[in-house]
Amino acid sequence: MRVFLDENLSAHLIARLKASGHDAICAFDAGLCGKSDEGIREFFIREDRVLLTLDGDFADLRRYPVAGTPGVIWLKPVPPVTLANIEQQLAIAVDLLQDRDVHGLLVIVSNGRIRTRSGI
C-alpha cells in the first residue's frame, strides 16, 4: 500500500510501515508541514496514497468525501493518547489491512477494532 502520514503522526512510524512492505512517506518529507487539510487532501489524492491520520476532520464525509480517493485511515486511539497507544493502533491497521483495498473508504481504527465507511 502507498501511504502518506499526516503531520500529526511521528515520522518514525514510517519504519514500521516500510518493514511491513508499504511505500510510506510523511508530511515532513513531502514539504507539507503546516499545510491546510485541503492541501493535504489534494496531495494524497494526486499522489495516489492512502492518508494515515489522527485528524478527525478527515472523518467528516460531508466535508471530505472519500469516494474517488485512495482512502483514509483514521487512527483514533483511546485516551490517554500516547505514542505507544498510537503505535498499537497502527499495528492493528497494518496487520488487518495488509492485503485489503481501501480505495474510496474511511477506515476507523479504534480500541482494537476496525470499522469502514464508504464515501459520499
Protein backbone atom coordinates (compact mmCIF):
# COMPACT_ATOMS: atom_id res chain seq x y z
CA MET A 1 0.00 0.00 0.00
CA ARG A 2 1.19 3.54 -0.78
CA VAL A 3 0.74 5.55 2.41
CA PHE A 4 1.02 9.21 3.36
CA LEU A 5 1.40 10.03 7.08
CA ASP A 6 -0.24 13.27 8.12
CA GLU A 7 1.92 15.67 10.11
CA ASN A 8 0.19 14.68 13.36
CA LEU A 9 1.93 11.29 13.18
CA SER A 10 5.57 10.82 14.04
CA ALA A 11 7.86 10.27 11.07
CA HIS A 12 9.48 7.33 12.90
CA LEU A 13 6.30 5.33 12.23
CA ILE A 14 7.42 5.11 8.60
CA ALA A 15 9.92 2.43 9.59
CA ARG A 16 7.07 0.22 10.89
CA LEU A 17 5.16 0.67 7.64
CA LYS A 18 8.19 0.03 5.44
CA ALA A 19 9.04 -3.10 7.45
CA SER A 20 5.56 -4.37 6.55
CA GLY A 21 6.25 -3.76 2.86
CA HIS A 22 4.43 -0.44 2.43
CA ASP A 23 5.66 2.56 0.43
CA ALA A 24 5.33 5.28 3.07
CA ILE A 25 6.19 8.97 3.20
CA CYS A 26 5.33 11.66 5.74
CA ALA A 27 4.24 15.29 5.58
CA PHE A 28 7.72 16.47 6.54
CA ASP A 29 9.35 14.56 3.65
CA ALA A 30 6.75 15.94 1.23
CA GLY A 31 7.24 19.52 2.45
CA LEU A 32 3.65 19.73 3.68
CA CYS A 33 4.07 20.58 7.37
CA GLY A 34 1.67 23.35 8.30
CA LYS A 35 -0.45 22.95 5.17
CA SER A 36 -4.23 23.03 5.34
CA ASP A 37 -6.33 19.87 5.37
CA GLU A 38 -7.40 20.77 1.83
CA GLY A 39 -3.74 20.89 0.76
CA ILE A 40 -3.07 17.53 2.42
CA ARG A 41 -6.13 16.03 0.73
CA GLU A 42 -5.09 17.34 -2.68
CA PHE A 43 -1.61 15.86 -2.22
CA PHE A 44 -2.58 12.35 -1.11
CA ILE A 45 -5.16 12.07 -3.89
CA ARG A 46 -2.77 13.35 -6.56
CA GLU A 47 0.00 11.00 -5.37
CA ASP A 48 -2.43 8.05 -5.04
CA ARG A 49 -1.51 7.44 -1.40
CA VAL A 50 -3.76 6.35 1.43
CA LEU A 51 -3.90 9.04 4.12
CA LEU A 52 -2.97 7.83 7.60
CA THR A 53 -4.01 10.44 10.19
CA LEU A 54 -5.06 11.25 13.73
CA ASP A 55 -7.10 14.18 12.42
CA GLY A 56 -10.80 13.53 12.99
CA ASP A 57 -11.68 16.24 10.47
CA PHE A 58 -10.97 13.72 7.71
CA ALA A 59 -13.73 11.50 9.16
CA ASP A 60 -16.33 14.14 8.23
CA LEU A 61 -17.50 12.59 4.97
CA ARG A 62 -19.61 15.61 4.06
CA ARG A 63 -16.59 17.88 4.21
CA TYR A 64 -14.01 15.39 2.95
CA PRO A 65 -15.75 12.67 0.91
CA VAL A 66 -13.66 9.56 0.40
CA ALA A 67 -15.34 8.43 -2.82
CA GLY A 68 -12.77 8.54 -5.60
CA THR A 69 -9.81 8.83 -3.19
CA PRO A 70 -7.10 6.29 -2.37
CA GLY A 71 -8.72 6.06 1.08
CA VAL A 72 -8.28 7.46 4.58
CA ILE A 73 -7.19 5.53 7.67
CA TRP A 74 -8.10 7.42 10.82
CA LEU A 75 -6.25 6.20 13.90
CA LYS A 76 -8.48 7.04 16.83
CA PRO A 77 -6.59 5.93 19.93
CA VAL A 78 -8.40 5.65 23.23
CA PRO A 79 -7.25 8.32 25.72
CA PRO A 80 -4.74 8.89 27.02
CA VAL A 81 -3.20 9.41 23.60
CA THR A 82 0.39 8.27 23.87
CA LEU A 83 2.95 7.24 21.29
CA ALA A 84 2.60 3.63 22.48
CA ASN A 85 -1.17 3.81 22.03
CA ILE A 86 -0.77 5.25 18.52
CA GLU A 87 1.77 2.55 17.64
CA GLN A 88 -0.68 -0.11 18.85
CA GLN A 89 -3.46 1.27 16.62
CA LEU A 90 -1.01 1.45 13.70
CA ALA A 91 0.00 -2.19 14.24
CA ILE A 92 -3.66 -3.23 14.16
CA ALA A 93 -4.25 -1.25 10.99
CA VAL A 94 -1.15 -2.64 9.25
CA ASP A 95 -1.92 -6.24 10.20
CA LEU A 96 -5.62 -6.17 9.31
CA LEU A 97 -5.29 -4.09 6.15
CA GLN A 98 -2.23 -5.82 4.71
CA ASP A 99 -3.99 -7.12 1.61
CA ARG A 100 -7.16 -5.05 1.64
CA ASP A 101 -8.05 -2.39 -0.90
CA VAL A 102 -9.15 0.76 0.94
CA HIS A 103 -9.78 2.95 -2.11
CA GLY A 104 -12.89 5.04 -1.52
CA LEU A 105 -13.11 4.05 2.15
CA LEU A 106 -12.75 5.73 5.50
CA VAL A 107 -11.17 3.16 7.82
CA ILE A 108 -11.51 3.94 11.53
CA VAL A 109 -9.07 2.12 13.82
CA SER A 110 -10.05 2.42 17.47
CA ASN A 111 -9.95 0.31 20.59
CA GLY A 112 -8.55 -2.73 18.81
CA ARG A 113 -11.18 -2.80 16.06
CA ILE A 114 -11.61 -1.56 12.54
CA ARG A 115 -14.74 -0.03 11.04
CA THR A 116 -15.15 1.13 7.46
CA ARG A 117 -17.42 3.67 5.82
CA SER A 118 -17.77 4.32 2.14
CA GLY A 119 -17.81 7.84 0.86
CA ILE A 120 -20.35 10.39 -0.07
